[in-house]
Amino acid sequence: MTGGVCVALTILFTVYGQLVLKWQIGGKALPEGTSEKLSFLMGQFLNPWIVSGFVAAFVASLCWMAAMTKLPLSQAYPFMALSFVLVTLLSSPLFGEPLTPSKVAGTFLLMVGLVFICR
């Protein structure tokens, strides 16, 4: 597996984890009391979708370790900005989050910055 594939898999698993956690927890209110918060959060571990999000984060870490054996950090790490781009763009259709002009501009600037860093 090439370094680029490892980085791409890291990004995909990271984005999946973020989106699935938001999907499953997004509409629920965090209780006020400390014990209630802890009980609520621990109860989420019974949700298979939540577990899949944590597994995705773990797999993303493994992919990142593999990427680090093949690429310099300064070359690979800027591509992690794509996770911000993908989460921002997918949050609008999936969760109805607003995609404001400032978010679009920021996303565009991240992409432009990535082009400059990679040169």
PDB file of N, CA and C in Angstrom:
ATOM      1  N   MET A   1       0.857  -1.175   0.000  1.00  0.00           N
ATOM      2  CA  MET A   1       0.000   0.000   0.000  1.00  0.00           C
ATOM      3  C   MET A   1       0.903   1.238   0.000  1.00  0.00           C
ATOM      4  N   THR A   2       0.609   2.184  -0.868  1.00  0.00           N
ATOM      5  CA  THR A   2       1.430   3.390  -0.964  1.00  0.00           C
ATOM      6  C   THR A   2       1.114   4.349   0.180  1.00  0.00           C
ATOM      7  N   GLY A   3       2.007   5.304   0.387  1.00  0.00           N
ATOM      8  CA  GLY A   3       1.791   6.318   1.409  1.00  0.00           C
ATOM      9  C   GLY A   3       0.546   7.139   1.147  1.00  0.00           C
ATOM     10  N   GLY A   4       0.309   7.453  -0.122  1.00  0.00           N
ATOM     11  CA  GLY A   4      -0.879   8.228  -0.480  1.00  0.00           C
ATOM     12  C   GLY A   4      -2.172   7.488  -0.159  1.00  0.00           C
ATOM     13  N   VAL A   5      -2.181   6.190  -0.401  1.00  0.00           N
ATOM     14  CA  VAL A   5      -3.362   5.380  -0.076  1.00  0.00           C
ATOM     15  C   VAL A   5      -3.573   5.353   1.433  1.00  0.00           C
ATOM     16  N   CYS A   6      -2.489   5.223   2.183  1.00  0.00           N
ATOM     17  CA  CYS A   6      -2.591   5.220   3.649  1.00  0.00           C
ATOM     18  C   CYS A   6      -3.156   6.542   4.164  1.00  0.00           C
ATOM     19  N   VAL A   7      -2.703   7.652   3.605  1.00  0.00           N
ATOM     20  CA  VAL A   7      -3.221   8.967   4.009  1.00  0.00           C
ATOM     21  C   VAL A   7      -4.695   9.084   3.632  1.00  0.00           C
ATOM     22  N   ALA A   8      -5.045   8.649   2.425  1.00  0.00           N
ATOM     23  CA  ALA A   8      -6.450   8.716   1.987  1.00  0.00           C
ATOM     24  C   ALA A   8      -7.349   7.885   2.899  1.00  0.00           C
ATOM     25  N   LEU A   9      -6.895   6.703   3.276  1.00  0.00           N
ATOM     26  CA  LEU A   9      -7.683   5.867   4.189  1.00  0.00           C
ATOM     27  C   LEU A   9      -7.808   6.515   5.564  1.00  0.00           C
ATOM     28  N   THR A  10      -6.730   7.145   6.015  1.00  0.00           N
ATOM     29  CA  THR A  10      -6.791   7.867   7.292  1.00  0.00           C
ATOM     30  C   THR A  10      -7.877   8.931   7.242  1.00  0.00           C
ATOM     31  N   ILE A  11      -7.893   9.688   6.170  1.00  0.00           N
ATOM     32  CA  ILE A  11      -8.889  10.761   6.017  1.00  0.00           C
ATOM     33  C   ILE A  11     -10.299  10.176   5.967  1.00  0.00           C
ATOM     34  N   LEU A  12     -10.503   9.142   5.179  1.00  0.00           N
ATOM     35  CA  LEU A  12     -11.842   8.554   5.037  1.00  0.00           C
ATOM     36  C   LEU A  12     -12.357   7.979   6.354  1.00  0.00           C
ATOM     37  N   PHE A  13     -11.510   7.254   7.074  1.00  0.00           N
ATOM     38  CA  PHE A  13     -11.941   6.698   8.356  1.00  0.00           C
ATOM     39  C   PHE A  13     -12.188   7.798   9.388  1.00  0.00           C
ATOM     40  N   THR A  14     -11.377   8.850   9.360  1.00  0.00           N
ATOM     41  CA  THR A  14     -11.577   9.975  10.274  1.00  0.00           C
ATOM     42  C   THR A  14     -12.910  10.662   9.998  1.00  0.00           C
ATOM     43  N   VAL A  15     -13.184  10.938   8.739  1.00  0.00           N
ATOM     44  CA  VAL A  15     -14.435  11.604   8.359  1.00  0.00           C
ATOM     45  C   VAL A  15     -15.632  10.728   8.717  1.00  0.00           C
ATOM     46  N   TYR A  16     -15.554   9.445   8.414  1.00  0.00           N
ATOM     47  CA  TYR A  16     -16.643   8.537   8.775  1.00  0.00           C
ATOM     48  C   TYR A  16     -16.909   8.593  10.278  1.00  0.00           C
ATOM     49  N   GLY A  17     -15.854   8.504  11.076  1.00  0.00           N
ATOM     50  CA  GLY A  17     -16.020   8.524  12.526  1.00  0.00           C
ATOM     51  C   GLY A  17     -16.707   9.784  13.014  1.00  0.00           C
ATOM     52  N   GLN A  18     -16.300  10.927  12.488  1.00  0.00           N
ATOM     53  CA  GLN A  18     -16.911  12.194  12.899  1.00  0.00           C
ATOM     54  C   GLN A  18     -18.381  12.260  12.501  1.00  0.00           C
ATOM     55  N   LEU A  19     -18.675  11.852  11.283  1.00  0.00           N
ATOM     56  CA  LEU A  19     -20.055  11.934  10.794  1.00  0.00           C
ATOM     57  C   LEU A  19     -20.984  10.972  11.527  1.00  0.00           C
ATOM     58  N   VAL A  20     -20.520   9.761  11.781  1.00  0.00           N
ATOM     59  CA  VAL A  20     -21.383   8.785  12.447  1.00  0.00           C
ATOM     60  C   VAL A  20     -21.622   9.178  13.904  1.00  0.00           C
ATOM     61  N   LEU A  21     -20.618   9.744  14.571  1.00  0.00           N
ATOM     62  CA  LEU A  21     -20.824  10.194  15.952  1.00  0.00           C
ATOM     63  C   LEU A  21     -21.822  11.341  16.002  1.00  0.00           C
ATOM     64  N   LYS A  22     -21.712  12.276  15.085  1.00  0.00           N
ATOM     65  CA  LYS A  22     -22.663  13.385  15.033  1.00  0.00           C
ATOM     66  C   LYS A  22     -24.067  12.863  14.737  1.00  0.00           C
ATOM     67  N   TRP A  23     -24.177  11.939  13.813  1.00  0.00           N
ATOM     68  CA  TRP A  23     -25.467  11.367  13.437  1.00  0.00           C
ATOM     69  C   TRP A  23     -26.152  10.716  14.640  1.00  0.00           C
ATOM     70  N   GLN A  24     -25.387   9.987  15.424  1.00  0.00           N
ATOM     71  CA  GLN A  24     -25.975   9.240  16.528  1.00  0.00           C
ATOM     72  C   GLN A  24     -26.173  10.060  17.802  1.00  0.00           C
ATOM     73  N   ILE A  25     -25.341  11.056  18.034  1.00  0.00           N
ATOM     74  CA  ILE A  25     -25.424  11.822  19.278  1.00  0.00           C
ATOM     75  C   ILE A  25     -25.948  13.227  19.057  1.00  0.00           C
ATOM     76  N   GLY A  26     -25.907  13.713  17.830  1.00  0.00           N
ATOM     77  CA  GLY A  26     -26.206  15.103  17.524  1.00  0.00           C
ATOM     78  C   GLY A  26     -27.455  15.691  18.123  1.00  0.00           C
ATOM     79  N   GLY A  27     -28.556  14.960  18.172  1.00  0.00           N
ATOM     80  CA  GLY A  27     -29.804  15.523  18.661  1.00  0.00           C
ATOM     81  C   GLY A  27     -30.047  15.320  20.141  1.00  0.00           C
ATOM     82  N   LYS A  28     -29.152  14.631  20.811  1.00  0.00           N
ATOM     83  CA  LYS A  28     -29.354  14.319  22.226  1.00  0.00           C
ATOM     84  C   LYS A  28     -28.711  15.390  23.101  1.00  0.00           C
ATOM     85  N   ALA A  29     -29.396  15.744  24.167  1.00  0.00           N
ATOM     86  CA  ALA A  29     -28.855  16.734  25.105  1.00  0.00           C
ATOM     87  C   ALA A  29     -27.996  16.032  26.152  1.00  0.00           C
ATOM     88  N   LEU A  30     -26.861  16.632  26.460  1.00  0.00           N
ATOM     89  CA  LEU A  30     -25.993  16.109  27.510  1.00  0.00           C
ATOM     90  C   LEU A  30     -26.598  16.477  28.856  1.00  0.00           C
ATOM     91  N   PRO A  31     -26.850  15.502  29.725  1.00  0.00           N
ATOM     92  CA  PRO A  31     -27.442  15.808  31.032  1.00  0.00           C
ATOM     93  C   PRO A  31     -26.570  16.766  31.843  1.00  0.00           C
ATOM     94  N   GLU A  32     -27.177  17.385  32.845  1.00  0.00           N
ATOM     95  CA  GLU A  32     -26.485  18.388  33.664  1.00  0.00           C
ATOM     96  C   GLU A  32     -25.557  17.783  34.709  1.00  0.00           C
ATOM     97  N   GLY A  33     -26.038  16.836  35.474  1.00  0.00           N
ATOM     98  CA  GLY A  33     -25.247  16.286  36.579  1.00  0.00           C
ATOM     99  C   GLY A  33     -24.082  15.448  36.107  1.00  0.00           C
ATOM    100  N   THR A  34     -23.035  15.410  36.918  1.00  0.00           N
ATOM    101  CA  THR A  34     -21.829  14.663  36.554  1.00  0.00           C
ATOM    102  C   THR A  34     -22.112  13.181  36.386  1.00  0.00           C
ATOM    103  N   SER A  35     -22.820  12.579  37.330  1.00  0.00           N
ATOM    104  CA  SER A  35     -23.094  11.143  37.219  1.00  0.00           C
ATOM    105  C   SER A  35     -24.023  10.859  36.043  1.00  0.00           C
ATOM    106  N   GLU A  36     -24.955  11.778  35.776  1.00  0.00           N
ATOM    107  CA  GLU A  36     -25.853  11.604  34.635  1.00  0.00           C
ATOM    108  C   GLU A  36     -25.093  11.720  33.317  1.00  0.00           C
ATOM    109  N   LYS A  37     -24.139  12.657  33.271  1.00  0.00           N
ATOM    110  CA  LYS A  37     -23.309  12.800  32.065  1.00  0.00           C
ATOM    111  C   LYS A  37     -22.525  11.523  31.814  1.00  0.00           C
ATOM    112  N   LEU A  38     -21.896  11.027  32.879  1.00  0.00           N
ATOM    113  CA  LEU A  38     -21.092   9.818  32.757  1.00  0.00           C
ATOM    114  C   LEU A  38     -21.958   8.635  32.327  1.00  0.00           C
ATOM    115  N   SER A  39     -23.129   8.508  32.922  1.00  0.00           N
ATOM    116  CA  SER A  39     -24.048   7.425  32.572  1.00  0.00           C
ATOM    117  C   SER A  39     -24.491   7.542  31.112  1.00  0.00           C
ATOM    118  N   PHE A  40     -24.819   8.752  30.692  1.00  0.00           N
ATOM    119  CA  PHE A  40     -25.232   8.991  29.308  1.00  0.00           C
ATOM    120  C   PHE A  40     -24.124   8.592  28.338  1.00  0.00           C
ATOM    121  N   LEU A  41     -22.911   9.081  28.600  1.00  0.00           N
ATOM    122  CA  LEU A  41     -21.798   8.814  27.687  1.00  0.00           C
ATOM    123  C   LEU A  41     -21.423   7.336  27.676  1.00  0.00           C
ATOM    124  N   MET A  42     -21.413   6.706  28.839  1.00  0.00           N
ATOM    125  CA  MET A  42     -21.093   5.276  28.889  1.00  0.00           C
ATOM    126  C   MET A  42     -22.171   4.457  28.173  1.00  0.00           C
ATOM    127  N   GLY A  43     -23.426   4.904  28.279  1.00  0.00           N
ATOM    128  CA  GLY A  43     -24.517   4.217  27.597  1.00  0.00           C
ATOM    129  C   GLY A  43     -24.379   4.247  26.087  1.00  0.00           C
ATOM    130  N   GLN A  44     -23.677   5.242  25.571  1.00  0.00           N
ATOM    131  CA  GLN A  44     -23.491   5.341  24.124  1.00  0.00           C
ATOM    132  C   GLN A  44     -22.630   4.207  23.577  1.00  0.00           C
ATOM    133  N   PHE A  45     -21.839   3.589  24.446  1.00  0.00           N
ATOM    134  CA  PHE A  45     -21.000   2.476  24.004  1.00  0.00           C
ATOM    135  C   PHE A  45     -21.817   1.237  23.641  1.00  0.00           C
ATOM    136  N   LEU A  46     -23.102   1.235  23.984  1.00  0.00           N
ATOM    137  CA  LEU A  46     -23.974   0.124  23.606  1.00  0.00           C
ATOM    138  C   LEU A  46     -24.527   0.297  22.197  1.00  0.00           C
ATOM    139  N   ASN A  47     -24.345   1.482  21.635  1.00  0.00           N
ATOM    140  CA  ASN A  47     -24.834   1.778  20.294  1.00  0.00           C
ATOM    141  C   ASN A  47     -23.797   1.291  19.275  1.00  0.00           C
ATOM    142  N   PRO A  48     -24.158   0.337  18.414  1.00  0.00           N
ATOM    143  CA  PRO A  48     -23.173  -0.183  17.461  1.00  0.00           C
ATOM    144  C   PRO A  48     -22.629   0.870  16.499  1.00  0.00           C
ATOM    145  N   TRP A  49     -23.435   1.882  16.165  1.00  0.00           N
ATOM    146  CA  TRP A  49     -22.939   2.951  15.292  1.00  0.00           C
ATOM    147  C   TRP A  49     -21.847   3.748  15.995  1.00  0.00           C
ATOM    148  N   ILE A  50     -22.041   4.034  17.273  1.00  0.00           N
ATOM    149  CA  ILE A  50     -21.025   4.753  18.045  1.00  0.00           C
ATOM    150  C   ILE A  50     -19.747   3.926  18.095  1.00  0.00           C
ATOM    151  N   VAL A  51     -19.900   2.640  18.363  1.00  0.00           N
ATOM    152  CA  VAL A  51     -18.738   1.747  18.401  1.00  0.00           C
ATOM    153  C   VAL A  51     -18.026   1.766  17.052  1.00  0.00           C
ATOM    154  N   SER A  52     -18.785   1.777  15.962  1.00  0.00           N
ATOM    155  CA  SER A  52     -18.156   1.807  14.634  1.00  0.00           C
ATOM    156  C   SER A  52     -17.363   3.096  14.427  1.00  0.00           C
ATOM    157  N   GLY A  53     -17.840   4.196  15.011  1.00  0.00           N
ATOM    158  CA  GLY A  53     -17.097   5.454  14.927  1.00  0.00           C
ATOM    159  C   GLY A  53     -15.762   5.376  15.646  1.00  0.00           C
ATOM    160  N   PHE A  54     -15.764   4.733  16.825  1.00  0.00           N
ATOM    161  CA  PHE A  54     -14.512   4.561  17.562  1.00  0.00           C
ATOM    162  C   PHE A  54     -13.576   3.590  16.852  1.00  0.00           C
ATOM    163  N   VAL A  55     -14.138   2.543  16.285  1.00  0.00           N
ATOM    164  CA  VAL A  55     -13.324   1.597  15.517  1.00  0.00           C
ATOM    165  C   VAL A  55     -12.704   2.309  14.314  1.00  0.00           C
ATOM    166  N   ALA A  56     -13.484   3.158  13.655  1.00  0.00           N
ATOM    167  CA  ALA A  56     -12.963   3.915  12.510  1.00  0.00           C
ATOM    168  C   ALA A  56     -11.802   4.809  12.936  1.00  0.00           C
ATOM    169  N   ALA A  57     -11.926   5.440  14.108  1.00  0.00           N
ATOM    170  CA  ALA A  57     -10.834   6.284  14.603  1.00  0.00           C
ATOM    171  C   ALA A  57      -9.581   5.450  14.862  1.00  0.00           C
ATOM    172  N   PHE A  58      -9.762   4.255  15.395  1.00  0.00           N
ATOM    173  CA  PHE A  58      -8.625   3.368  15.647  1.00  0.00           C
ATOM    174  C   PHE A  58      -7.983   2.926  14.331  1.00  0.00           C
ATOM    175  N   VAL A  59      -8.812   2.542  13.367  1.00  0.00           N
ATOM    176  CA  VAL A  59      -8.288   2.124  12.059  1.00  0.00           C
ATOM    177  C   VAL A  59      -7.582   3.298  11.377  1.00  0.00           C
ATOM    178  N   ALA A  60      -8.143   4.500  11.519  1.00  0.00           N
ATOM    179  CA  ALA A  60      -7.487   5.691  10.965  1.00  0.00           C
ATOM    180  C   ALA A  60      -6.098   5.857  11.568  1.00  0.00           C
ATOM    181  N   SER A  61      -5.969   5.592  12.860  1.00  0.00           N
ATOM    182  CA  SER A  61      -4.658   5.690  13.520  1.00  0.00           C
ATOM    183  C   SER A  61      -3.683   4.666  12.958  1.00  0.00           C
ATOM    184  N   LEU A  62      -4.165   3.464  12.716  1.00  0.00           N
ATOM    185  CA  LEU A  62      -3.300   2.436  12.123  1.00  0.00           C
ATOM    186  C   LEU A  62      -2.862   2.831  10.714  1.00  0.00           C
ATOM    187  N   CYS A  63      -3.794   3.361   9.934  1.00  0.00           N
ATOM    188  CA  CYS A  63      -3.456   3.816   8.579  1.00  0.00           C
ATOM    189  C   CYS A  63      -2.439   4.950   8.629  1.00  0.00           C
ATOM    190  N   TRP A  64      -2.599   5.845   9.613  1.00  0.00           N
ATOM    191  CA  TRP A  64      -1.667   6.961   9.750  1.00  0.00           C
ATOM    192  C   TRP A  64      -0.273   6.453  10.103  1.00  0.00           C
ATOM    193  N   MET A  65      -0.200   5.468  10.993  1.00  0.00           N
ATOM    194  CA  MET A  65       1.109   4.896  11.329  1.00  0.00           C
ATOM    195  C   MET A  65       1.752   4.296  10.084  1.00  0.00           C
ATOM    196  N   ALA A  66       0.960   3.616   9.264  1.00  0.00           N
ATOM    197  CA  ALA A  66       1.492   3.054   8.019  1.00  0.00           C
ATOM    198  C   ALA A  66       1.966   4.165   7.089  1.00  0.00           C
ATOM    199  N   ALA A  67       1.205   5.251   7.015  1.00  0.00           N
ATOM    200  CA  ALA A  67       1.600   6.382   6.163  1.00  0.00           C
ATOM    201  C   ALA A  67       2.928   6.969   6.626  1.00  0.00           C
ATOM    202  N   MET A  68       3.127   7.011   7.939  1.00  0.00           N
ATOM    203  CA  MET A  68       4.354   7.603   8.476  1.00  0.00           C
ATOM    204  C   MET A  68       5.588   6.766   8.162  1.00  0.00           C
ATOM    205  N   THR A  69       5.392   5.490   7.824  1.00  0.00           N
ATOM    206  CA  THR A  69       6.535   4.668   7.425  1.00  0.00           C
ATOM    207  C   THR A  69       6.930   4.920   5.976  1.00  0.00           C
ATOM    208  N   LYS A  70       6.060   5.614   5.234  1.00  0.00           N
ATOM    209  CA  LYS A  70       6.291   5.790   3.803  1.00  0.00           C
ATOM    210  C   LYS A  70       6.493   7.236   3.366  1.00  0.00           C
ATOM    211  N   LEU A  71       6.011   8.186   4.161  1.00  0.00           N
ATOM    212  CA  LEU A  71       6.049   9.594   3.756  1.00  0.00           C
ATOM    213  C   LEU A  71       6.612  10.466   4.870  1.00  0.00           C
ATOM    214  N   PRO A  72       7.255  11.578   4.500  1.00  0.00           N
ATOM    215  CA  PRO A  72       7.649  12.546   5.522  1.00  0.00           C
ATOM    216  C   PRO A  72       6.397  13.195   6.122  1.00  0.00           C
ATOM    217  N   LEU A  73       6.440  13.494   7.398  1.00  0.00           N
ATOM    218  CA  LEU A  73       5.307  14.119   8.079  1.00  0.00           C
ATOM    219  C   LEU A  73       4.907  15.423   7.406  1.00  0.00           C
ATOM    220  N   SER A  74       5.904  16.213   7.008  1.00  0.00           N
ATOM    221  CA  SER A  74       5.614  17.510   6.390  1.00  0.00           C
ATOM    222  C   SER A  74       4.916  17.373   5.041  1.00  0.00           C
ATOM    223  N   GLN A  75       5.021  16.224   4.422  1.00  0.00           N
ATOM    224  CA  GLN A  75       4.333  15.976   3.154  1.00  0.00           C
ATOM    225  C   GLN A  75       2.935  15.402   3.395  1.00  0.00           C
ATOM    226  N   ALA A  76       2.793  14.527   4.369  1.00  0.00           N
ATOM    227  CA  ALA A  76       1.522  13.837   4.591  1.00  0.00           C
ATOM    228  C   ALA A  76       0.525  14.658   5.401  1.00  0.00           C
ATOM    229  N   TYR A  77       0.998  15.330   6.442  1.00  0.00           N
ATOM    230  CA  TYR A  77       0.071  15.968   7.382  1.00  0.00           C
ATOM    231  C   TYR A  77      -0.814  17.048   6.769  1.00  0.00           C
ATOM    232  N   PRO A  78      -0.324  17.867   5.851  1.00  0.00           N
ATOM    233  CA  PRO A  78      -1.220  18.872   5.258  1.00  0.00           C
ATOM    234  C   PRO A  78      -2.477  18.271   4.632  1.00  0.00           C
ATOM    235  N   PHE A  79      -2.394  17.044   4.156  1.00  0.00           N
ATOM    236  CA  PHE A  79      -3.567  16.420   3.545  1.00  0.00           C
ATOM    237  C   PHE A  79      -4.678  16.142   4.552  1.00  0.00           C
ATOM    238  N   MET A  80      -4.341  16.147   5.834  1.00  0.00           N
ATOM    239  CA  MET A  80      -5.376  15.956   6.852  1.00  0.00           C
ATOM    240  C   MET A  80      -6.382  17.096   6.829  1.00  0.00           C
ATOM    241  N   ALA A  81      -6.012  18.235   6.227  1.00  0.00           N
ATOM    242  CA  ALA A  81      -6.960  19.346   6.069  1.00  0.00           C
ATOM    243  C   ALA A  81      -8.165  18.921   5.234  1.00  0.00           C
ATOM    244  N   LEU A  82      -7.982  17.905   4.410  1.00  0.00           N
ATOM    245  CA  LEU A  82      -9.111  17.414   3.612  1.00  0.00           C
ATOM    246  C   LEU A  82     -10.223  16.852   4.492  1.00  0.00           C
ATOM    247  N   SER A  83      -9.875  16.392   5.685  1.00  0.00           N
ATOM    248  CA  SER A  83     -10.930  15.908   6.582  1.00  0.00           C
ATOM    249  C   SER A  83     -11.839  17.060   6.995  1.00  0.00           C
ATOM    250  N   PHE A  84     -11.276  18.254   7.225  1.00  0.00           N
ATOM    251  CA  PHE A  84     -12.092  19.423   7.553  1.00  0.00           C
ATOM    252  C   PHE A  84     -12.998  19.787   6.377  1.00  0.00           C
ATOM    253  N   VAL A  85     -12.435  19.721   5.189  1.00  0.00           N
ATOM    254  CA  VAL A  85     -13.195  20.050   3.980  1.00  0.00           C
ATOM    255  C   VAL A  85     -14.359  19.077   3.808  1.00  0.00           C
ATOM    256  N   LEU A  86     -14.081  17.788   3.906  1.00  0.00           N
ATOM    257  CA  LEU A  86     -15.125  16.785   3.701  1.00  0.00           C
ATOM    258  C   LEU A  86     -16.213  16.847   4.768  1.00  0.00           C
ATOM    259  N   VAL A  87     -15.815  17.009   6.028  1.00  0.00           N
ATOM    260  CA  VAL A  87     -16.815  17.094   7.101  1.00  0.00           C
ATOM    261  C   VAL A  87     -17.689  18.328   6.911  1.00  0.00           C
ATOM    262  N   THR A  88     -17.083  19.449   6.558  1.00  0.00           N
ATOM    263  CA  THR A  88     -17.853  20.677   6.332  1.00  0.00           C
ATOM    264  C   THR A  88     -18.841  20.500   5.185  1.00  0.00           C
ATOM    265  N   LEU A  89     -18.374  19.947   4.077  1.00  0.00           N
ATOM    266  CA  LEU A  89     -19.242  19.784   2.908  1.00  0.00           C
ATOM    267  C   LEU A  89     -20.332  18.734   3.121  1.00  0.00           C
ATOM    268  N   LEU A  90     -20.040  17.674   3.851  1.00  0.00           N
ATOM    269  CA  LEU A  90     -21.025  16.617   4.071  1.00  0.00           C
ATOM    270  C   LEU A  90     -22.009  16.940   5.191  1.00  0.00           C
ATOM    271  N   SER A  91     -21.633  17.822   6.097  1.00  0.00           N
ATOM    272  CA  SER A  91     -22.522  18.180   7.210  1.00  0.00           C
ATOM    273  C   SER A  91     -23.766  18.913   6.738  1.00  0.00           C
ATOM    274  N   SER A  92     -23.656  19.596   5.632  1.00  0.00           N
ATOM    275  CA  SER A  92     -24.813  20.331   5.121  1.00  0.00           C
ATOM    276  C   SER A  92     -25.911  19.389   4.617  1.00  0.00           C
ATOM    277  N   PRO A  93     -25.620  18.492   3.673  1.00  0.00           N
ATOM    278  CA  PRO A  93     -26.704  17.616   3.214  1.00  0.00           C
ATOM    279  C   PRO A  93     -27.122  16.556   4.238  1.00  0.00           C
ATOM    280  N   LEU A  94     -26.182  16.089   5.048  1.00  0.00           N
ATOM    281  CA  LEU A  94     -26.507  15.015   5.988  1.00  0.00           C
ATOM    282  C   LEU A  94     -27.239  15.499   7.234  1.00  0.00           C
ATOM    283  N   PHE A  95     -26.859  16.681   7.737  1.00  0.00           N
ATOM    284  CA  PHE A  95     -27.403  17.151   9.013  1.00  0.00           C
ATOM    285  C   PHE A  95     -28.133  18.478   8.914  1.00  0.00           C
ATOM    286  N   GLY A  96     -28.210  19.019   7.706  1.00  0.00           N
ATOM    287  CA  GLY A  96     -28.889  20.298   7.532  1.00  0.00           C
ATOM    288  C   GLY A  96     -28.131  21.475   8.111  1.00  0.00           C
ATOM    289  N   GLU A  97     -26.831  21.311   8.344  1.00  0.00           N
ATOM    290  CA  GLU A  97     -26.031  22.420   8.858  1.00  0.00           C
ATOM    291  C   GLU A  97     -25.821  23.435   7.740  1.00  0.00           C
ATOM    292  N   PRO A  98     -25.866  24.715   8.075  1.00  0.00           N
ATOM    293  CA  PRO A  98     -25.734  25.729   7.020  1.00  0.00           C
ATOM    294  C   PRO A  98     -24.331  25.733   6.408  1.00  0.00           C
ATOM    295  N   LEU A  99     -24.305  25.856   5.111  1.00  0.00           N
ATOM    296  CA  LEU A  99     -23.041  26.007   4.387  1.00  0.00           C
ATOM    297  C   LEU A  99     -22.972  27.468   3.965  1.00  0.00           C
ATOM    298  N   THR A 100     -22.491  28.285   4.880  1.00  0.00           N
ATOM    299  CA  THR A 100     -22.483  29.732   4.693  1.00  0.00           C
ATOM    300  C   THR A 100     -21.378  30.153   3.726  1.00  0.00           C
ATOM    301  N   PRO A 101     -21.480  31.361   3.190  1.00  0.00           N
ATOM    302  CA  PRO A 101     -20.403  31.855   2.323  1.00  0.00           C
ATOM    303  C   PRO A 101     -19.039  31.842   3.018  1.00  0.00           C
ATOM    304  N   SER A 102     -19.007  32.130   4.303  1.00  0.00           N
ATOM    305  CA  SER A 102     -17.716  32.121   5.002  1.00  0.00           C
ATOM    306  C   SER A 102     -17.164  30.700   5.114  1.00  0.00           C
ATOM    307  N   LYS A 103     -18.029  29.706   5.293  1.00  0.00           N
ATOM    308  CA  LYS A 103     -17.558  28.318   5.327  1.00  0.00           C
ATOM    309  C   LYS A 103     -17.049  27.889   3.957  1.00  0.00           C
ATOM    310  N   VAL A 104     -17.757  28.296   2.917  1.00  0.00           N
ATOM    311  CA  VAL A 104     -17.321  27.975   1.553  1.00  0.00           C
ATOM    312  C   VAL A 104     -15.969  28.629   1.279  1.00  0.00           C
ATOM    313  N   ALA A 105     -15.827  29.891   1.664  1.00  0.00           N
ATOM    314  CA  ALA A 105     -14.559  30.606   1.456  1.00  0.00           C
ATOM    315  C   ALA A 105     -13.434  29.951   2.249  1.00  0.00           C
ATOM    316  N   GLY A 106     -13.702  29.604   3.496  1.00  0.00           N
ATOM    317  CA  GLY A 106     -12.686  28.949   4.315  1.00  0.00           C
ATOM    318  C   GLY A 106     -12.270  27.607   3.744  1.00  0.00           C
ATOM    319  N   THR A 107     -13.239  26.863   3.259  1.00  0.00           N
ATOM    320  CA  THR A 107     -12.957  25.569   2.639  1.00  0.00           C
ATOM    321  C   THR A 107     -12.105  25.756   1.386  1.00  0.00           C
ATOM    322  N   PHE A 108     -12.448  26.755   0.594  1.00  0.00           N
ATOM    323  CA  PHE A 108     -11.671  27.062  -0.607  1.00  0.00           C
ATOM    324  C   PHE A 108     -10.234  27.440  -0.230  1.00  0.00           C
ATOM    325  N   LEU A 109     -10.080  28.267   0.804  1.00  0.00           N
ATOM    326  CA  LEU A 109      -8.740  28.673   1.236  1.00  0.00           C
ATOM    327  C   LEU A 109      -7.922  27.482   1.741  1.00  0.00           C
ATOM    328  N   LEU A 110      -8.571  26.548   2.424  1.00  0.00           N
ATOM    329  CA  LEU A 110      -7.861  25.335   2.842  1.00  0.00           C
ATOM    330  C   LEU A 110      -7.329  24.577   1.633  1.00  0.00           C
ATOM    331  N   MET A 111      -8.150  24.469   0.605  1.00  0.00           N
ATOM    332  CA  MET A 111      -7.733  23.757  -0.602  1.00  0.00           C
ATOM    333  C   MET A 111      -6.585  24.483  -1.307  1.00  0.00           C
ATOM    334  N   VAL A 112      -6.687  25.806  -1.394  1.00  0.00           N
ATOM    335  CA  VAL A 112      -5.612  26.594  -2.008  1.00  0.00           C
ATOM    336  C   VAL A 112      -4.331  26.439  -1.191  1.00  0.00           C
ATOM    337  N   GLY A 113      -4.461  26.501   0.119  1.00  0.00           N
ATOM    338  CA  GLY A 113      -3.297  26.326   0.988  1.00  0.00           C
ATOM    339  C   GLY A 113      -2.652  24.969   0.797  1.00  0.00           C
ATOM    340  N   LEU A 114      -3.460  23.951   0.630  1.00  0.00           N
ATOM    341  CA  LEU A 114      -2.932  22.611   0.410  1.00  0.00           C
ATOM    342  C   LEU A 114      -2.130  22.545  -0.887  1.00  0.00           C
ATOM    343  N   VAL A 115      -2.620  23.209  -1.922  1.00  0.00           N
ATOM    344  CA  VAL A 115      -1.892  23.247  -3.196  1.00  0.00           C
ATOM    345  C   VAL A 115      -0.527  23.906  -2.996  1.00  0.00           C
ATOM    346  N   PHE A 116      -0.496  25.028  -2.265  1.00  0.00           N
ATOM    347  CA  PHE A 116       0.773  25.724  -2.042  1.00  0.00           C
ATOM    348  C   PHE A 116       1.739  24.901  -1.192  1.00  0.00           C
ATOM    349  N   ILE A 117       1.235  24.254  -0.169  1.00  0.00           N
ATOM    350  CA  ILE A 117       2.103  23.458   0.703  1.00  0.00           C
ATOM    351  C   ILE A 117       2.711  22.282  -0.051  1.00  0.00           C
ATOM    352  N   CYS A 118       1.958  21.722  -0.972  1.00  0.00           N
ATOM    353  CA  CYS A 118       2.416  20.523  -1.680  1.00  0.00           C
ATOM    354  C   CYS A 118       3.391  20.818  -2.812  1.00  0.00           C
ATOM    355  N   ARG A 119       3.605  22.072  -3.119  1.00  0.00           N
ATOM    356  CA  ARG A 119       4.540  22.414  -4.200  1.00  0.00           C
ATOM    357  C   ARG A 119       5.953  22.414  -3.713  1.00  0.00           C
TER     358      ARG A 119
END
